[in-house]
Amino acid sequence: MKKIILCLIVLFSLNFKFAKAEENFQLFTSGIYDGMEKLNFQIHKINNISIVINENEVSNVNYGDFDGTLSTFIEIPKVKENDIVKINLLDRNKIKTQKVYKVEKLVNGFTIIPQGGRITNVDSQVLIIGTAPYNWGDKKFFLKMYDQAGKVLYNTPISKKGDSSYNGKVKFPKQKLNSKVYFSISDGNVESVKKEIKIENGIPPKPPIVNTIKLSNGIVSGKYEKGGSITLYIRSSTNSWYAHYQQTVKVDSKGNFKTKIPKYNPRTKELMLKYGGVVIFEAVDATKNMSKNITKTITDDVPPTKPSKLIISKDRKKLSGYGENGTTAYVYRKDILIGTGIVNSEGKFFVRMSKQPKGVTLEVHLEDQSGNESKVVKKKF
């Protein structure tokens, strides 16, 4: 029984070491393909690599007592479809591992990616982009698109971009939501395995409902499609992209979202929460469709401070005082309005009124453009 347990421990230990060692080698291509003459890869703590093709060693590279990560390549004889390539690895702990590849058709090595990462039920054309395992020279390749029933929707030559990148624009009838289309690469004779892409919803949702944003607390709340996200932007007065503020909040399962605008930009310390400030909202639903942007203006719900330093003139026909710039001063006597005045840029106001008797008590308050009223000041003159 002890021997069995010991054997199991040894096997578990070996499997763990082998798995760990294999993680120390990674090809930059998804496999090895017909016509390749170079293997590009990354190694980590690997001391030696031996490459064997069809049981013949073609390369043996010693990296010494290497203790880091290295991106490199090894040149090999040109391989052809169905060749067997074995990569023997020896790491710094003297653990040996082997990775085995069967050489595939070159067309299977092309990546096929729709621009934007998806195709939707509102699309009638899409740009397909991708890469090949290596520079394919002057060879001609074609991009094919099939519908769910297997009908060819489009067949176009691909345009080479750089050494191994390409793109191809395909046009097609709009496809039904949740149906599937397929893409392949062909060299005119050989066709790749088809890549399946599911048609997603591309209809943009309605814009979010955003509640009033108040200066007093900076709370932003509203409703949108559940699973979506809301990004708010506040532009900097410097018009510098770095200085612009943005924040993203997730919409909960009930379709609600809530966040708060800080008073100052955390990076630039610029005042953001201010009366009249404009907030731009960009909303994206769960399937990455973007709503039409909306804007909201920060409203002033903060009452001005009460007026101060009230003085009546010698002729008792004018009252002056200090308050918040731009607010309006109202002067009452026994609940009757007897005069108003605007607080100037220096924070001072003057109110003309009929001559007031000595010992009169006047009530004065300020009101801002949003209708917020200060506390009333009563003073006997």
Protein backbone atom coordinates (compact mmCIF):
# COMPACT_ATOMS: atom_id res chain seq x y z
CA MET A 1 0.00 0.00 0.00
CA LYS A 2 2.84 2.40 0.86
CA LYS A 3 4.49 1.64 -2.52
CA ILE A 4 1.25 2.47 -4.38
CA ILE A 5 0.85 5.76 -2.52
CA LEU A 6 4.50 6.60 -3.18
CA CYS A 7 4.07 5.88 -6.92
CA LEU A 8 0.99 8.08 -7.08
CA ILE A 9 2.86 10.92 -5.38
CA VAL A 10 5.76 10.56 -7.83
CA LEU A 11 3.38 10.54 -10.83
CA PHE A 12 1.49 13.57 -9.53
CA SER A 13 4.80 15.37 -8.99
CA LEU A 14 6.00 14.53 -12.52
CA ASN A 15 2.71 15.62 -14.10
CA PHE A 16 2.83 18.89 -12.20
CA LYS A 17 6.42 19.54 -13.32
CA PHE A 18 5.65 18.65 -16.95
CA ALA A 19 2.62 20.94 -17.02
CA LYS A 20 4.62 23.74 -15.50
CA ALA A 21 7.46 23.24 -17.96
CA GLU A 22 5.14 23.32 -20.99
CA GLU A 23 3.92 26.74 -19.93
CA ASN A 24 7.49 27.97 -20.42
CA PHE A 25 7.21 27.68 -24.23
CA GLN A 26 4.70 29.47 -26.46
CA LEU A 27 4.56 29.65 -30.26
CA PHE A 28 3.50 33.01 -31.68
CA THR A 29 1.33 31.19 -34.23
CA SER A 30 -1.59 28.90 -33.41
CA GLY A 31 0.23 25.97 -35.01
CA ILE A 32 2.82 25.05 -37.66
CA TYR A 33 1.75 25.46 -41.27
CA ASP A 34 2.74 24.33 -44.74
CA GLY A 35 5.68 26.35 -46.10
CA MET A 36 6.99 27.70 -42.80
CA GLU A 37 10.76 28.09 -42.54
CA LYS A 38 10.94 29.82 -39.20
CA LEU A 39 9.40 29.23 -35.78
CA ASN A 40 8.74 32.34 -33.72
CA PHE A 41 8.20 31.73 -30.03
CA GLN A 42 8.72 32.86 -26.46
CA ILE A 43 10.57 30.88 -23.81
CA HIS A 44 10.87 31.26 -20.07
CA LYS A 45 13.67 29.59 -18.10
CA ILE A 46 14.43 27.18 -20.96
CA ASN A 47 18.06 26.06 -21.39
CA ASN A 48 17.87 23.94 -24.53
CA ILE A 49 15.55 23.41 -27.51
CA SER A 50 15.84 20.57 -30.00
CA ILE A 51 13.61 20.50 -33.10
CA VAL A 52 12.90 17.21 -34.84
CA ILE A 53 11.01 16.95 -38.15
CA ASN A 54 9.85 13.48 -39.21
CA GLU A 55 12.31 11.93 -36.69
CA ASN A 56 15.29 13.95 -38.04
CA GLU A 57 16.80 16.54 -35.73
CA VAL A 58 17.12 19.79 -37.69
CA SER A 59 18.09 22.21 -34.94
CA ASN A 60 19.55 22.14 -31.43
CA VAL A 61 19.97 25.45 -29.61
CA ASN A 62 21.53 25.82 -26.16
CA TYR A 63 20.59 28.94 -24.19
CA GLY A 64 22.88 28.19 -21.24
CA ASP A 65 21.65 28.59 -17.70
CA PHE A 66 18.94 31.00 -18.86
CA ASP A 67 16.74 32.38 -16.09
CA GLY A 68 14.48 34.86 -17.87
CA THR A 69 11.95 35.34 -20.67
CA LEU A 70 13.05 35.59 -24.29
CA SER A 71 11.19 36.17 -27.57
CA THR A 72 13.19 34.61 -30.39
CA PHE A 73 13.05 32.34 -33.45
CA ILE A 74 14.70 29.27 -34.96
CA GLU A 75 15.04 28.70 -38.70
CA ILE A 76 14.02 25.25 -39.94
CA PRO A 77 13.84 23.47 -43.31
CA LYS A 78 10.59 24.32 -45.13
CA VAL A 79 7.86 22.05 -43.83
CA LYS A 80 4.95 20.60 -45.77
CA GLU A 81 1.46 19.50 -44.83
CA ASN A 82 1.29 16.41 -42.55
CA ASP A 83 4.95 16.64 -41.46
CA ILE A 84 5.42 15.88 -37.75
CA VAL A 85 7.39 18.49 -35.81
CA LYS A 86 8.60 17.67 -32.31
CA ILE A 87 9.97 20.40 -30.04
CA ASN A 88 12.02 19.01 -27.17
CA LEU A 89 12.51 21.35 -24.23
CA LEU A 90 14.93 21.24 -21.32
CA ASP A 91 14.33 23.78 -18.57
CA ARG A 92 16.78 25.07 -15.94
CA ASN A 93 15.55 22.39 -13.50
CA LYS A 94 16.60 19.69 -16.02
CA ILE A 95 12.97 18.76 -16.68
CA LYS A 96 12.39 17.47 -20.21
CA THR A 97 9.14 18.02 -22.10
CA GLN A 98 8.04 17.60 -25.67
CA LYS A 99 5.47 19.42 -27.82
CA VAL A 100 4.28 17.72 -31.00
CA TYR A 101 2.70 19.44 -33.99
CA LYS A 102 1.26 18.09 -37.22
CA VAL A 103 1.88 20.57 -40.04
CA GLU A 104 -1.44 21.98 -41.26
CA LYS A 105 -2.58 23.63 -44.48
CA LEU A 106 -1.38 27.24 -44.70
CA VAL A 107 -4.94 28.50 -45.16
CA ASN A 108 -5.84 27.16 -41.69
CA GLY A 109 -3.27 29.51 -40.15
CA PHE A 110 -5.04 32.71 -41.21
CA THR A 111 -6.92 34.50 -38.44
CA ILE A 112 -10.36 35.81 -39.42
CA ILE A 113 -11.65 38.75 -37.36
CA PRO A 114 -14.54 41.11 -38.23
CA GLN A 115 -13.62 44.73 -37.67
CA GLY A 116 -15.13 45.65 -34.32
CA GLY A 117 -15.14 41.99 -33.31
CA ARG A 118 -18.68 41.12 -34.41
CA ILE A 119 -21.34 41.12 -37.14
CA THR A 120 -24.86 42.33 -36.37
CA ASN A 121 -28.36 42.14 -37.81
CA VAL A 122 -28.07 45.70 -39.17
CA ASP A 123 -24.81 45.10 -41.06
CA SER A 124 -24.76 44.64 -44.83
CA GLN A 125 -20.99 44.81 -45.21
CA VAL A 126 -18.01 44.23 -42.95
CA LEU A 127 -14.25 44.50 -43.15
CA ILE A 128 -12.49 41.27 -42.24
CA ILE A 129 -8.95 41.67 -40.93
CA GLY A 130 -6.35 39.14 -39.87
CA THR A 131 -2.88 37.73 -40.17
CA ALA A 132 -1.17 34.74 -41.77
CA PRO A 133 1.48 32.61 -40.04
CA TYR A 134 4.21 34.15 -42.23
CA ASN A 135 4.82 36.36 -45.27
CA TRP A 136 3.13 34.46 -48.09
CA GLY A 137 4.89 36.31 -50.89
CA ASP A 138 2.98 36.65 -54.17
CA LYS A 139 0.44 33.90 -53.57
CA LYS A 140 -3.23 34.75 -54.12
CA PHE A 141 -5.78 34.11 -51.39
CA PHE A 142 -9.54 34.57 -51.28
CA LEU A 143 -11.98 35.27 -48.48
CA LYS A 144 -15.32 33.44 -48.66
CA MET A 145 -18.49 34.11 -46.70
CA TYR A 146 -21.33 31.56 -46.32
CA ASP A 147 -24.79 31.89 -44.82
CA GLN A 148 -26.27 29.40 -42.36
CA ALA A 149 -27.58 27.20 -45.20
CA GLY A 150 -24.12 26.98 -46.76
CA LYS A 151 -24.78 29.41 -49.63
CA VAL A 152 -21.79 31.53 -50.69
CA LEU A 153 -22.66 35.15 -49.96
CA TYR A 154 -19.38 36.68 -51.10
CA ASN A 155 -16.00 35.68 -52.48
CA THR A 156 -13.28 38.32 -52.69
CA PRO A 157 -9.48 38.47 -53.03
CA ILE A 158 -7.80 39.58 -49.84
CA SER A 159 -5.51 42.61 -49.81
CA LYS A 160 -2.08 42.13 -48.29
CA LYS A 161 -1.10 44.70 -45.67
CA GLY A 162 2.55 44.52 -44.64
CA ASP A 163 4.36 41.18 -44.36
CA SER A 164 1.59 38.91 -43.11
CA SER A 165 -1.51 41.01 -42.41
CA TYR A 166 -4.52 41.29 -44.71
CA ASN A 167 -8.03 42.62 -45.02
CA GLY A 168 -11.05 41.92 -47.18
CA LYS A 169 -14.37 43.75 -47.42
CA VAL A 170 -17.46 41.59 -47.89
CA LYS A 171 -21.01 42.69 -48.77
CA PHE A 172 -24.07 40.61 -47.99
CA PRO A 173 -27.82 40.75 -47.29
CA LYS A 174 -28.69 41.58 -43.69
CA GLN A 175 -28.78 38.44 -41.58
CA LYS A 176 -31.30 37.45 -38.91
CA LEU A 177 -30.48 37.89 -35.25
CA ASN A 178 -28.82 34.77 -33.73
CA SER A 179 -28.31 33.16 -37.15
CA LYS A 180 -24.79 32.11 -38.13
CA VAL A 181 -22.43 32.95 -40.97
CA TYR A 182 -19.13 31.30 -41.86
CA PHE A 183 -15.83 32.52 -43.27
CA SER A 184 -12.95 30.68 -44.87
CA ILE A 185 -9.66 31.40 -46.63
CA SER A 186 -8.89 29.71 -49.95
CA ASP A 187 -5.84 29.67 -52.21
CA GLY A 188 -8.00 28.72 -55.18
CA ASN A 189 -7.54 25.02 -54.61
CA VAL A 190 -7.48 24.41 -50.88
CA GLU A 191 -9.98 25.93 -48.46
CA SER A 192 -9.52 26.45 -44.73
CA VAL A 193 -11.72 25.22 -41.92
CA LYS A 194 -14.74 27.56 -41.73
CA LYS A 195 -14.92 30.08 -38.90
CA GLU A 196 -18.39 30.43 -37.38
CA ILE A 197 -19.70 33.84 -36.33
CA LYS A 198 -23.07 34.35 -34.64
CA ILE A 199 -25.12 37.37 -35.72
CA GLU A 200 -25.58 39.75 -32.79
CA ASN A 201 -28.10 42.49 -32.09
CA GLY A 202 -26.93 45.75 -33.64
CA ILE A 203 -29.98 47.94 -33.04
CA PRO A 204 -28.96 50.86 -30.83
CA PRO A 205 -31.09 51.25 -27.69
CA LYS A 206 -32.83 54.42 -26.59
CA PRO A 207 -30.64 56.96 -24.75
CA PRO A 208 -30.51 56.67 -20.95
CA ILE A 209 -32.81 58.63 -18.68
CA VAL A 210 -30.61 60.83 -16.47
CA ASN A 211 -32.06 62.59 -13.45
CA THR A 212 -31.27 66.17 -12.54
CA ILE A 213 -27.67 66.66 -11.43
CA LYS A 214 -27.56 68.96 -8.42
CA LEU A 215 -24.66 71.16 -7.45
CA SER A 216 -25.11 70.36 -3.76
CA ASN A 217 -24.18 66.67 -4.02
CA GLY A 218 -23.03 65.83 -7.58
CA ILE A 219 -25.10 62.61 -7.61
CA VAL A 220 -25.74 61.16 -11.07
CA SER A 221 -28.56 58.62 -11.34
CA GLY A 222 -31.00 57.32 -13.89
CA LYS A 223 -32.28 54.33 -15.85
CA TYR A 224 -30.96 52.32 -18.80
CA GLU A 225 -31.03 48.79 -20.17
CA LYS A 226 -29.88 46.27 -17.57
CA GLY A 227 -26.41 44.90 -18.22
CA GLY A 228 -25.33 48.07 -19.98
CA SER A 229 -22.86 50.71 -18.88
CA ILE A 230 -22.86 54.50 -18.73
CA THR A 231 -19.75 56.61 -19.28
CA LEU A 232 -19.89 60.27 -18.32
CA TYR A 233 -17.46 62.89 -19.60
CA ILE A 234 -16.68 66.39 -18.36
CA ARG A 235 -14.45 68.41 -20.65
CA SER A 236 -11.61 70.44 -19.18
CA SER A 237 -11.55 74.19 -19.74
CA THR A 238 -7.98 73.70 -21.00
CA ASN A 239 -9.36 71.51 -23.84
CA SER A 240 -6.56 69.04 -23.10
CA TRP A 241 -7.58 65.41 -23.60
CA TYR A 242 -5.48 64.42 -20.58
CA ALA A 243 -7.39 66.88 -18.41
CA HIS A 244 -10.85 65.64 -19.43
CA TYR A 245 -12.63 63.62 -16.75
CA GLN A 246 -14.49 60.39 -17.40
CA GLN A 247 -16.13 57.73 -15.28
CA THR A 248 -17.96 54.51 -16.17
CA VAL A 249 -20.72 52.95 -14.09
CA LYS A 250 -22.53 49.64 -14.59
CA VAL A 251 -26.31 49.40 -14.87
CA ASP A 252 -27.76 47.00 -12.31
CA SER A 253 -30.26 44.15 -12.85
CA LYS A 254 -33.19 46.54 -12.32
CA GLY A 255 -31.98 49.00 -14.94
CA ASN A 256 -30.73 51.60 -12.46
CA PHE A 257 -27.37 53.33 -12.28
CA LYS A 258 -25.91 55.74 -9.77
CA THR A 259 -22.56 57.43 -9.22
CA LYS A 260 -21.16 60.74 -8.04
CA ILE A 261 -19.15 63.50 -9.68
CA PRO A 262 -16.19 64.57 -7.52
CA LYS A 263 -15.89 68.27 -6.85
CA TYR A 264 -12.40 68.38 -8.36
CA ASN A 265 -10.75 66.38 -11.15
CA PRO A 266 -8.56 63.81 -9.30
CA ARG A 267 -5.69 64.28 -11.78
CA THR A 268 -5.68 68.01 -12.49
CA LYS A 269 -7.53 69.36 -9.40
CA GLU A 270 -9.68 71.46 -11.75
CA LEU A 271 -13.15 72.33 -10.39
CA MET A 272 -15.73 70.12 -12.13
CA LEU A 273 -18.83 70.25 -9.95
CA LYS A 274 -20.02 73.75 -10.79
CA TYR A 275 -23.24 75.47 -11.77
CA GLY A 276 -23.82 75.27 -15.52
CA GLY A 277 -21.21 72.53 -15.99
CA VAL A 278 -21.99 70.22 -18.92
CA VAL A 279 -21.88 66.44 -18.50
CA ILE A 280 -21.87 64.21 -21.61
CA PHE A 281 -23.33 60.70 -21.33
CA GLU A 282 -22.37 57.78 -23.56
CA ALA A 283 -24.38 54.59 -23.05
CA VAL A 284 -23.58 51.09 -24.29
CA ASP A 285 -25.91 48.12 -23.91
CA ALA A 286 -24.96 44.54 -23.00
CA THR A 287 -24.33 43.68 -26.67
CA LYS A 288 -22.04 46.71 -27.16
CA ASN A 289 -24.53 48.84 -29.10
CA MET A 290 -24.12 52.54 -28.39
CA SER A 291 -27.04 54.88 -27.76
CA LYS A 292 -27.14 58.46 -28.97
CA ASN A 293 -25.13 60.66 -26.61
CA ILE A 294 -27.00 63.06 -24.36
CA THR A 295 -25.89 66.02 -22.24
CA LYS A 296 -27.05 67.32 -18.88
CA THR A 297 -26.26 70.63 -17.21
CA ILE A 298 -25.46 70.77 -13.52
CA THR A 299 -28.24 72.72 -11.78
CA ASP A 300 -27.72 75.08 -8.87
CA ASP A 301 -29.68 73.99 -5.81
CA VAL A 302 -27.35 75.68 -3.32
CA PRO A 303 -28.89 78.85 -1.80
CA PRO A 304 -26.66 81.93 -1.67
CA THR A 305 -25.31 83.06 1.66
CA LYS A 306 -27.38 85.68 3.44
CA PRO A 307 -26.66 89.36 2.65
CA SER A 308 -24.21 91.18 4.91
CA LYS A 309 -22.95 94.65 5.85
CA LEU A 310 -26.32 96.31 5.23
CA ILE A 311 -26.11 100.12 5.28
CA ILE A 312 -28.81 102.72 4.61
CA SER A 313 -27.77 106.02 2.97
CA LYS A 314 -27.96 109.41 4.72
CA ASP A 315 -31.01 110.41 2.67
CA ARG A 316 -32.53 107.02 3.61
CA LYS A 317 -33.41 106.33 -0.06
CA LYS A 318 -30.78 103.68 -0.77
CA LEU A 319 -29.75 100.41 0.87
CA SER A 320 -26.38 98.78 0.15
CA GLY A 321 -24.83 95.49 1.14
CA TYR A 322 -22.78 92.48 0.06
CA GLY A 323 -23.70 89.09 -1.37
CA GLU A 324 -23.08 86.44 -4.03
CA ASN A 325 -22.20 87.80 -7.46
CA GLY A 326 -25.13 87.76 -9.90
CA THR A 327 -27.85 87.27 -7.32
CA THR A 328 -30.76 89.66 -6.82
CA ALA A 329 -31.32 91.47 -3.53
CA TYR A 330 -34.94 91.92 -2.40
CA VAL A 331 -35.87 94.48 0.26
CA TYR A 332 -39.21 94.24 2.11
CA ARG A 333 -40.96 96.42 4.66
CA LYS A 334 -43.86 94.78 6.47
CA ASP A 335 -44.12 92.09 3.74
CA ILE A 336 -44.24 94.73 1.00
CA LEU A 337 -41.45 94.73 -1.63
CA ILE A 338 -39.93 98.20 -1.72
CA GLY A 339 -36.91 97.62 -3.99
CA THR A 340 -34.52 95.24 -5.74
CA GLY A 341 -30.90 95.31 -6.89
CA ILE A 342 -28.34 93.08 -8.60
CA VAL A 343 -25.12 92.05 -6.82
CA ASN A 344 -22.25 93.24 -9.02
CA SER A 345 -18.97 91.47 -9.88
CA GLU A 346 -17.40 92.94 -6.75
CA GLY A 347 -20.10 91.33 -4.61
CA LYS A 348 -21.90 94.59 -3.75
CA PHE A 349 -25.48 95.67 -4.36
CA PHE A 350 -27.47 98.94 -4.18
CA VAL A 351 -31.25 99.10 -3.83
CA ARG A 352 -33.16 102.35 -4.46
CA MET A 353 -36.36 102.82 -2.47
CA SER A 354 -38.68 105.49 -1.15
CA LYS A 355 -37.40 107.44 1.82
CA GLN A 356 -37.59 105.33 4.94
CA PRO A 357 -38.37 106.67 8.41
CA LYS A 358 -35.93 106.36 11.28
CA GLY A 359 -36.30 103.16 13.29
CA VAL A 360 -37.72 101.24 10.34
CA THR A 361 -37.14 97.45 10.19
CA LEU A 362 -36.29 96.06 6.77
CA GLU A 363 -36.06 92.44 5.62
CA VAL A 364 -33.45 91.55 2.97
CA HIS A 365 -32.72 88.29 1.17
CA LEU A 366 -30.86 87.17 -1.98
CA GLU A 367 -32.11 84.98 -4.79
CA ASP A 368 -29.89 83.34 -7.46
CA GLN A 369 -30.74 82.64 -11.12
CA SER A 370 -31.99 79.14 -10.23
CA GLY A 371 -34.52 80.51 -7.74
CA ASN A 372 -32.58 79.49 -4.61
CA GLU A 373 -33.19 81.94 -1.78
CA SER A 374 -30.84 82.89 1.05
CA LYS A 375 -31.87 83.29 4.65
CA VAL A 376 -33.67 86.55 5.45
CA VAL A 377 -31.79 89.25 7.34
CA LYS A 378 -33.90 91.59 9.48
CA LYS A 379 -32.32 94.88 10.53
CA LYS A 380 -33.56 98.03 12.20
CA PHE A 381 -32.24 101.27 10.67
